[in-house]
Amino acid sequence: MVYEFEVTTRQNMEFVDITHKANEMVSKSGMENGVCFIFVPHTTAAVTINENADPDVVFDMLKELNKIVPIEDQYRHMEGNSAAHIKASLMGFSEQVIVHNGKLKLGTWQGIYFTEFDGPRRRKVYVKVLKG
């Protein structure tokens, strides 16, 4: 079964911690041990795993992503959101996390983030848990 939930973003670029929601989907699946796949079906948003203890990490990541891929840079895409497409491709559209004893097996400081690069918007996240 594929689970789905929505993320509502409020800014043009932001990281939303979805760790709790992903764990909720794992719990709902009833799977004790396996792999959890998290997939974002959008071309200007992504998913990543990083530290979720210090909000300055997210601030620094967004700052550096804007240096690497500036919002304005003579892009040719008519919609004006080329930077969002590039950032999403750099971050990636899926993550896989081991499920152990019915919970995501993340490191002490790790969290799963939905990353928005063309907001604010209402977005979808898909989760699939497979027995392993």
N, C-alpha and C. Protein backbone atom coordinates (compact mmCIF):
# COMPACT_ATOMS: atom_id res chain seq x y z
N MET A 1 0.84 -1.19 0.00
CA MET A 1 0.00 0.00 0.00
C MET A 1 0.89 1.25 0.00
N VAL A 2 0.45 2.24 -0.73
CA VAL A 2 1.14 3.54 -0.77
C VAL A 2 0.34 4.52 0.08
N TYR A 3 1.02 5.15 1.01
CA TYR A 3 0.40 6.16 1.86
C TYR A 3 0.73 7.53 1.30
N GLU A 4 -0.15 8.48 1.58
CA GLU A 4 0.02 9.84 1.06
C GLU A 4 -0.35 10.84 2.14
N PHE A 5 0.39 11.93 2.20
CA PHE A 5 0.00 13.03 3.06
C PHE A 5 0.37 14.34 2.38
N GLU A 6 -0.24 15.42 2.85
CA GLU A 6 0.00 16.74 2.28
C GLU A 6 0.92 17.57 3.17
N VAL A 7 1.68 18.42 2.51
CA VAL A 7 2.51 19.41 3.19
C VAL A 7 2.12 20.76 2.63
N THR A 8 1.79 21.69 3.50
CA THR A 8 1.47 23.05 3.08
C THR A 8 2.67 23.93 3.43
N THR A 9 3.26 24.51 2.40
CA THR A 9 4.40 25.40 2.64
C THR A 9 3.93 26.84 2.66
N ARG A 10 4.67 27.67 3.36
CA ARG A 10 4.27 29.06 3.55
C ARG A 10 5.25 30.06 2.96
N GLN A 11 6.40 29.56 2.51
CA GLN A 11 7.43 30.44 1.95
C GLN A 11 7.87 29.93 0.59
N ASN A 12 8.58 30.78 -0.14
CA ASN A 12 9.10 30.38 -1.45
C ASN A 12 10.07 29.22 -1.31
N MET A 13 10.95 29.30 -0.32
CA MET A 13 11.91 28.22 -0.04
C MET A 13 11.85 27.90 1.44
N GLU A 14 11.65 26.63 1.76
CA GLU A 14 11.68 26.23 3.16
C GLU A 14 11.86 24.72 3.29
N PHE A 15 12.34 24.32 4.45
CA PHE A 15 12.45 22.91 4.80
C PHE A 15 11.38 22.64 5.85
N VAL A 16 10.58 21.61 5.63
CA VAL A 16 9.53 21.22 6.57
C VAL A 16 9.89 19.84 7.11
N ASP A 17 10.02 19.73 8.42
CA ASP A 17 10.36 18.46 9.06
C ASP A 17 9.14 17.53 8.97
N ILE A 18 9.28 16.44 8.23
CA ILE A 18 8.18 15.48 8.06
C ILE A 18 8.49 14.13 8.73
N THR A 19 9.48 14.12 9.61
CA THR A 19 9.90 12.88 10.27
C THR A 19 8.72 12.24 11.01
N HIS A 20 8.00 13.03 11.79
CA HIS A 20 6.87 12.51 12.56
C HIS A 20 5.82 11.91 11.63
N LYS A 21 5.54 12.59 10.53
CA LYS A 21 4.52 12.12 9.58
C LYS A 21 4.97 10.81 8.92
N ALA A 22 6.25 10.71 8.55
CA ALA A 22 6.76 9.47 7.95
C ALA A 22 6.69 8.32 8.95
N ASN A 23 7.05 8.58 10.20
CA ASN A 23 6.94 7.56 11.24
C ASN A 23 5.49 7.12 11.44
N GLU A 24 4.58 8.07 11.33
CA GLU A 24 3.15 7.78 11.43
C GLU A 24 2.71 6.80 10.32
N MET A 25 3.21 7.02 9.11
CA MET A 25 2.87 6.13 7.99
C MET A 25 3.47 4.73 8.21
N VAL A 26 4.68 4.66 8.76
CA VAL A 26 5.30 3.37 9.08
C VAL A 26 4.45 2.64 10.11
N SER A 27 4.01 3.35 11.13
CA SER A 27 3.17 2.76 12.17
C SER A 27 1.85 2.26 11.58
N LYS A 28 1.26 3.08 10.71
CA LYS A 28 0.00 2.72 10.06
C LYS A 28 0.15 1.45 9.22
N SER A 29 1.33 1.24 8.64
CA SER A 29 1.56 0.07 7.79
C SER A 29 1.62 -1.23 8.59
N GLY A 30 1.96 -1.12 9.89
CA GLY A 30 2.08 -2.31 10.71
C GLY A 30 3.38 -3.07 10.49
N MET A 31 4.25 -2.55 9.65
CA MET A 31 5.51 -3.22 9.32
C MET A 31 6.51 -3.03 10.47
N GLU A 32 7.09 -4.13 10.92
CA GLU A 32 8.07 -4.08 12.00
C GLU A 32 9.49 -3.86 11.48
N ASN A 33 9.83 -4.54 10.38
CA ASN A 33 11.18 -4.46 9.83
C ASN A 33 11.12 -4.42 8.32
N GLY A 34 11.86 -3.49 7.73
CA GLY A 34 11.85 -3.36 6.28
C GLY A 34 12.52 -2.06 5.86
N VAL A 35 11.96 -1.47 4.80
CA VAL A 35 12.48 -0.22 4.26
C VAL A 35 11.31 0.70 3.98
N CYS A 36 11.49 1.98 4.33
CA CYS A 36 10.49 3.00 4.06
C CYS A 36 11.00 3.88 2.92
N PHE A 37 10.21 4.00 1.88
CA PHE A 37 10.52 4.86 0.75
C PHE A 37 9.67 6.11 0.86
N ILE A 38 10.30 7.27 0.78
CA ILE A 38 9.60 8.54 0.80
C ILE A 38 9.85 9.21 -0.54
N PHE A 39 8.76 9.56 -1.24
CA PHE A 39 8.88 10.11 -2.59
C PHE A 39 8.05 11.38 -2.72
N VAL A 40 8.64 12.39 -3.35
CA VAL A 40 7.97 13.67 -3.60
C VAL A 40 7.67 13.76 -5.10
N PRO A 41 6.39 13.81 -5.49
CA PRO A 41 6.02 13.82 -6.91
C PRO A 41 5.94 15.22 -7.52
N HIS A 42 6.93 16.03 -7.26
CA HIS A 42 6.93 17.41 -7.77
C HIS A 42 8.30 17.73 -8.35
N THR A 43 8.34 18.63 -9.32
CA THR A 43 9.62 18.97 -9.97
C THR A 43 10.30 20.19 -9.36
N THR A 44 9.64 20.85 -8.41
CA THR A 44 10.25 22.01 -7.76
C THR A 44 10.27 21.85 -6.24
N ALA A 45 10.18 20.62 -5.79
CA ALA A 45 10.28 20.29 -4.37
C ALA A 45 11.05 18.98 -4.27
N ALA A 46 11.56 18.69 -3.07
CA ALA A 46 12.37 17.49 -2.91
C ALA A 46 12.26 16.97 -1.49
N VAL A 47 13.07 15.96 -1.19
CA VAL A 47 13.12 15.40 0.17
C VAL A 47 14.58 15.12 0.50
N THR A 48 14.95 15.35 1.75
CA THR A 48 16.33 15.10 2.17
C THR A 48 16.36 14.72 3.63
N ILE A 49 17.46 14.12 4.05
CA ILE A 49 17.69 13.79 5.45
C ILE A 49 18.87 14.63 5.93
N ASN A 50 18.67 15.30 7.06
CA ASN A 50 19.75 16.09 7.63
C ASN A 50 19.46 16.34 9.10
N GLU A 51 20.31 17.12 9.74
CA GLU A 51 20.14 17.41 11.16
C GLU A 51 18.85 18.17 11.41
N ASN A 52 18.12 17.74 12.45
CA ASN A 52 16.90 18.46 12.80
C ASN A 52 16.94 18.99 14.24
N ALA A 53 18.13 19.06 14.83
CA ALA A 53 18.25 19.56 16.20
C ALA A 53 18.50 21.07 16.25
N ASP A 54 19.23 21.59 15.28
CA ASP A 54 19.59 23.01 15.27
C ASP A 54 19.01 23.65 14.00
N PRO A 55 18.05 24.56 14.13
CA PRO A 55 17.44 25.20 12.96
C PRO A 55 18.42 26.00 12.10
N ASP A 56 19.58 26.33 12.66
CA ASP A 56 20.59 27.05 11.88
C ASP A 56 21.13 26.20 10.74
N VAL A 57 21.06 24.87 10.87
CA VAL A 57 21.50 24.00 9.77
C VAL A 57 20.63 24.24 8.54
N VAL A 58 19.32 24.30 8.73
CA VAL A 58 18.40 24.56 7.62
C VAL A 58 18.66 25.95 7.04
N PHE A 59 18.84 26.94 7.89
CA PHE A 59 19.14 28.29 7.43
C PHE A 59 20.40 28.28 6.55
N ASP A 60 21.44 27.63 7.04
CA ASP A 60 22.71 27.57 6.30
C ASP A 60 22.55 26.83 4.98
N MET A 61 21.78 25.74 4.98
CA MET A 61 21.58 24.99 3.74
C MET A 61 20.86 25.83 2.69
N LEU A 62 19.81 26.53 3.11
CA LEU A 62 19.08 27.38 2.17
C LEU A 62 19.97 28.51 1.64
N LYS A 63 20.76 29.10 2.53
CA LYS A 63 21.68 30.17 2.13
C LYS A 63 22.67 29.68 1.08
N GLU A 64 23.26 28.53 1.32
CA GLU A 64 24.26 27.99 0.38
C GLU A 64 23.63 27.52 -0.93
N LEU A 65 22.43 26.93 -0.85
CA LEU A 65 21.74 26.54 -2.09
C LEU A 65 21.48 27.76 -2.97
N ASN A 66 21.14 28.89 -2.34
CA ASN A 66 20.91 30.12 -3.11
C ASN A 66 22.20 30.66 -3.72
N LYS A 67 23.33 30.40 -3.09
CA LYS A 67 24.62 30.80 -3.68
C LYS A 67 24.93 29.92 -4.89
N ILE A 68 24.71 28.63 -4.74
CA ILE A 68 25.01 27.68 -5.82
C ILE A 68 24.07 27.88 -7.00
N VAL A 69 22.77 28.07 -6.68
CA VAL A 69 21.75 28.24 -7.72
C VAL A 69 20.95 29.50 -7.37
N PRO A 70 21.39 30.65 -7.86
CA PRO A 70 20.66 31.90 -7.56
C PRO A 70 19.26 31.90 -8.18
N ILE A 71 18.36 32.61 -7.55
CA ILE A 71 16.98 32.66 -8.06
C ILE A 71 16.94 33.31 -9.43
N GLU A 72 17.71 34.35 -9.65
CA GLU A 72 17.78 35.02 -10.95
C GLU A 72 19.16 34.77 -11.57
N ASP A 73 19.19 34.25 -12.79
CA ASP A 73 20.47 34.00 -13.44
C ASP A 73 20.29 33.82 -14.96
N GLN A 74 19.45 34.63 -15.55
CA GLN A 74 19.21 34.59 -16.99
C GLN A 74 18.76 33.21 -17.47
N TYR A 75 17.90 32.55 -16.66
CA TYR A 75 17.36 31.25 -17.05
C TYR A 75 16.39 31.44 -18.22
N ARG A 76 16.20 30.41 -19.01
CA ARG A 76 15.35 30.50 -20.20
C ARG A 76 13.94 29.96 -19.97
N HIS A 77 13.74 29.17 -18.94
CA HIS A 77 12.42 28.57 -18.66
C HIS A 77 11.39 29.69 -18.45
N MET A 78 10.31 29.65 -19.22
CA MET A 78 9.34 30.75 -19.24
C MET A 78 8.59 30.95 -17.92
N GLU A 79 8.42 29.91 -17.13
CA GLU A 79 7.67 30.04 -15.88
C GLU A 79 8.42 30.84 -14.82
N GLY A 80 9.74 31.01 -14.99
CA GLY A 80 10.52 31.78 -14.05
C GLY A 80 10.92 31.04 -12.79
N ASN A 81 10.82 29.72 -12.81
CA ASN A 81 11.19 28.95 -11.62
C ASN A 81 12.28 27.92 -11.90
N SER A 82 13.17 28.24 -12.81
CA SER A 82 14.27 27.32 -13.14
C SER A 82 15.13 26.99 -11.94
N ALA A 83 15.40 27.99 -11.11
CA ALA A 83 16.22 27.74 -9.93
C ALA A 83 15.58 26.68 -9.04
N ALA A 84 14.26 26.70 -8.93
CA ALA A 84 13.54 25.70 -8.12
C ALA A 84 13.71 24.31 -8.71
N HIS A 85 13.62 24.19 -10.03
CA HIS A 85 13.81 22.89 -10.68
C HIS A 85 15.23 22.36 -10.44
N ILE A 86 16.21 23.22 -10.54
CA ILE A 86 17.61 22.81 -10.37
C ILE A 86 17.85 22.37 -8.92
N LYS A 87 17.38 23.17 -7.96
CA LYS A 87 17.57 22.84 -6.54
C LYS A 87 16.89 21.52 -6.19
N ALA A 88 15.70 21.31 -6.70
CA ALA A 88 14.99 20.06 -6.43
C ALA A 88 15.75 18.86 -6.99
N SER A 89 16.29 19.00 -8.19
CA SER A 89 17.07 17.90 -8.77
C SER A 89 18.34 17.64 -7.97
N LEU A 90 18.97 18.70 -7.48
CA LEU A 90 20.18 18.52 -6.67
C LEU A 90 19.87 17.80 -5.35
N MET A 91 18.76 18.12 -4.74
CA MET A 91 18.39 17.52 -3.45
C MET A 91 17.87 16.09 -3.63
N GLY A 92 17.08 15.86 -4.66
CA GLY A 92 16.56 14.52 -4.92
C GLY A 92 15.10 14.38 -4.53
N PHE A 93 14.43 13.48 -5.20
CA PHE A 93 12.99 13.32 -5.04
C PHE A 93 12.58 12.16 -4.15
N SER A 94 13.57 11.41 -3.64
CA SER A 94 13.22 10.28 -2.77
C SER A 94 14.33 9.99 -1.75
N GLU A 95 13.93 9.33 -0.69
CA GLU A 95 14.84 8.85 0.34
C GLU A 95 14.38 7.46 0.76
N GLN A 96 15.30 6.67 1.26
CA GLN A 96 14.99 5.35 1.77
C GLN A 96 15.55 5.27 3.18
N VAL A 97 14.75 4.74 4.11
CA VAL A 97 15.17 4.63 5.49
C VAL A 97 14.82 3.23 6.00
N ILE A 98 15.75 2.62 6.70
CA ILE A 98 15.50 1.32 7.30
C ILE A 98 14.41 1.45 8.36
N VAL A 99 13.53 0.45 8.41
CA VAL A 99 12.52 0.36 9.46
C VAL A 99 12.95 -0.78 10.38
N HIS A 100 13.06 -0.47 11.66
CA HIS A 100 13.47 -1.48 12.65
C HIS A 100 12.56 -1.36 13.86
N ASN A 101 11.96 -2.48 14.25
CA ASN A 101 11.03 -2.51 15.39
C ASN A 101 9.90 -1.48 15.24
N GLY A 102 9.41 -1.34 14.00
CA GLY A 102 8.26 -0.49 13.73
C GLY A 102 8.54 1.00 13.68
N LYS A 103 9.82 1.38 13.67
CA LYS A 103 10.16 2.81 13.60
C LYS A 103 11.29 3.05 12.60
N LEU A 104 11.33 4.28 12.09
CA LEU A 104 12.42 4.66 11.20
C LEU A 104 13.74 4.61 11.95
N LYS A 105 14.75 4.05 11.34
CA LYS A 105 16.06 3.89 11.96
C LYS A 105 16.95 5.06 11.53
N LEU A 106 16.68 6.22 12.09
CA LEU A 106 17.44 7.43 11.79
C LEU A 106 18.50 7.64 12.87
N GLY A 107 19.54 8.39 12.52
CA GLY A 107 20.56 8.74 13.50
C GLY A 107 19.99 9.71 14.53
N THR A 108 20.70 9.87 15.62
CA THR A 108 20.26 10.70 16.74
C THR A 108 19.82 12.09 16.31
N TRP A 109 20.55 12.72 15.41
CA TRP A 109 20.27 14.10 15.03
C TRP A 109 19.56 14.21 13.69
N GLN A 110 19.22 13.08 13.08
CA GLN A 110 18.64 13.13 11.73
C GLN A 110 17.13 13.32 11.74
N GLY A 111 16.68 14.04 10.73
CA GLY A 111 15.27 14.21 10.47
C GLY A 111 15.05 14.18 8.96
N ILE A 112 13.81 13.94 8.58
CA ILE A 112 13.45 13.91 7.16
C ILE A 112 12.76 15.24 6.84
N TYR A 113 13.25 15.89 5.81
CA TYR A 113 12.71 17.20 5.43
C TYR A 113 12.09 17.17 4.04
N PHE A 114 10.89 17.73 3.95
CA PHE A 114 10.32 18.10 2.66
C PHE A 114 10.94 19.45 2.34
N THR A 115 11.50 19.60 1.14
CA THR A 115 12.16 20.84 0.78
C THR A 115 11.40 21.54 -0.34
N GLU A 116 10.93 22.73 -0.05
CA GLU A 116 10.16 23.54 -0.99
C GLU A 116 11.06 24.56 -1.65
N PHE A 117 10.95 24.68 -2.98
CA PHE A 117 11.74 25.67 -3.71
C PHE A 117 10.89 26.57 -4.61
N ASP A 118 9.56 26.39 -4.57
CA ASP A 118 8.67 27.18 -5.44
C ASP A 118 7.33 27.42 -4.74
N GLY A 119 7.40 27.81 -3.49
CA GLY A 119 6.18 27.96 -2.71
C GLY A 119 5.72 29.40 -2.65
N PRO A 120 4.73 29.59 -1.83
CA PRO A 120 4.02 28.61 -1.02
C PRO A 120 3.06 27.77 -1.86
N ARG A 121 2.89 26.52 -1.43
CA ARG A 121 2.03 25.58 -2.15
C ARG A 121 1.52 24.49 -1.23
N ARG A 122 0.54 23.74 -1.74
CA ARG A 122 0.11 22.49 -1.10
C ARG A 122 0.74 21.37 -1.91
N ARG A 123 1.47 20.50 -1.23
CA ARG A 123 2.23 19.44 -1.91
C ARG A 123 1.85 18.06 -1.36
N LYS A 124 2.24 17.04 -2.10
CA LYS A 124 2.00 15.66 -1.69
C LYS A 124 3.32 14.97 -1.41
N VAL A 125 3.25 14.02 -0.50
CA VAL A 125 4.38 13.13 -0.22
C VAL A 125 3.82 11.71 -0.20
N TYR A 126 4.50 10.80 -0.87
CA TYR A 126 4.09 9.40 -0.88
C TYR A 126 5.07 8.58 -0.04
N VAL A 127 4.53 7.62 0.67
CA VAL A 127 5.34 6.74 1.51
C VAL A 127 4.95 5.29 1.23
N LYS A 128 5.96 4.45 1.03
CA LYS A 128 5.76 3.02 0.81
C LYS A 128 6.68 2.28 1.75
N VAL A 129 6.13 1.33 2.51
CA VAL A 129 6.93 0.54 3.43
C VAL A 129 6.92 -0.90 2.93
N LEU A 130 8.12 -1.45 2.73
CA LEU A 130 8.27 -2.82 2.24
C LEU A 130 8.94 -3.68 3.30
N LYS A 131 8.45 -4.89 3.42
CA LYS A 131 9.02 -5.84 4.37
C LYS A 131 10.41 -6.23 3.92
N GLY A 132 11.33 -6.32 4.88
CA GLY A 132 12.69 -6.66 4.51
C GLY A 132 13.29 -7.74 5.38
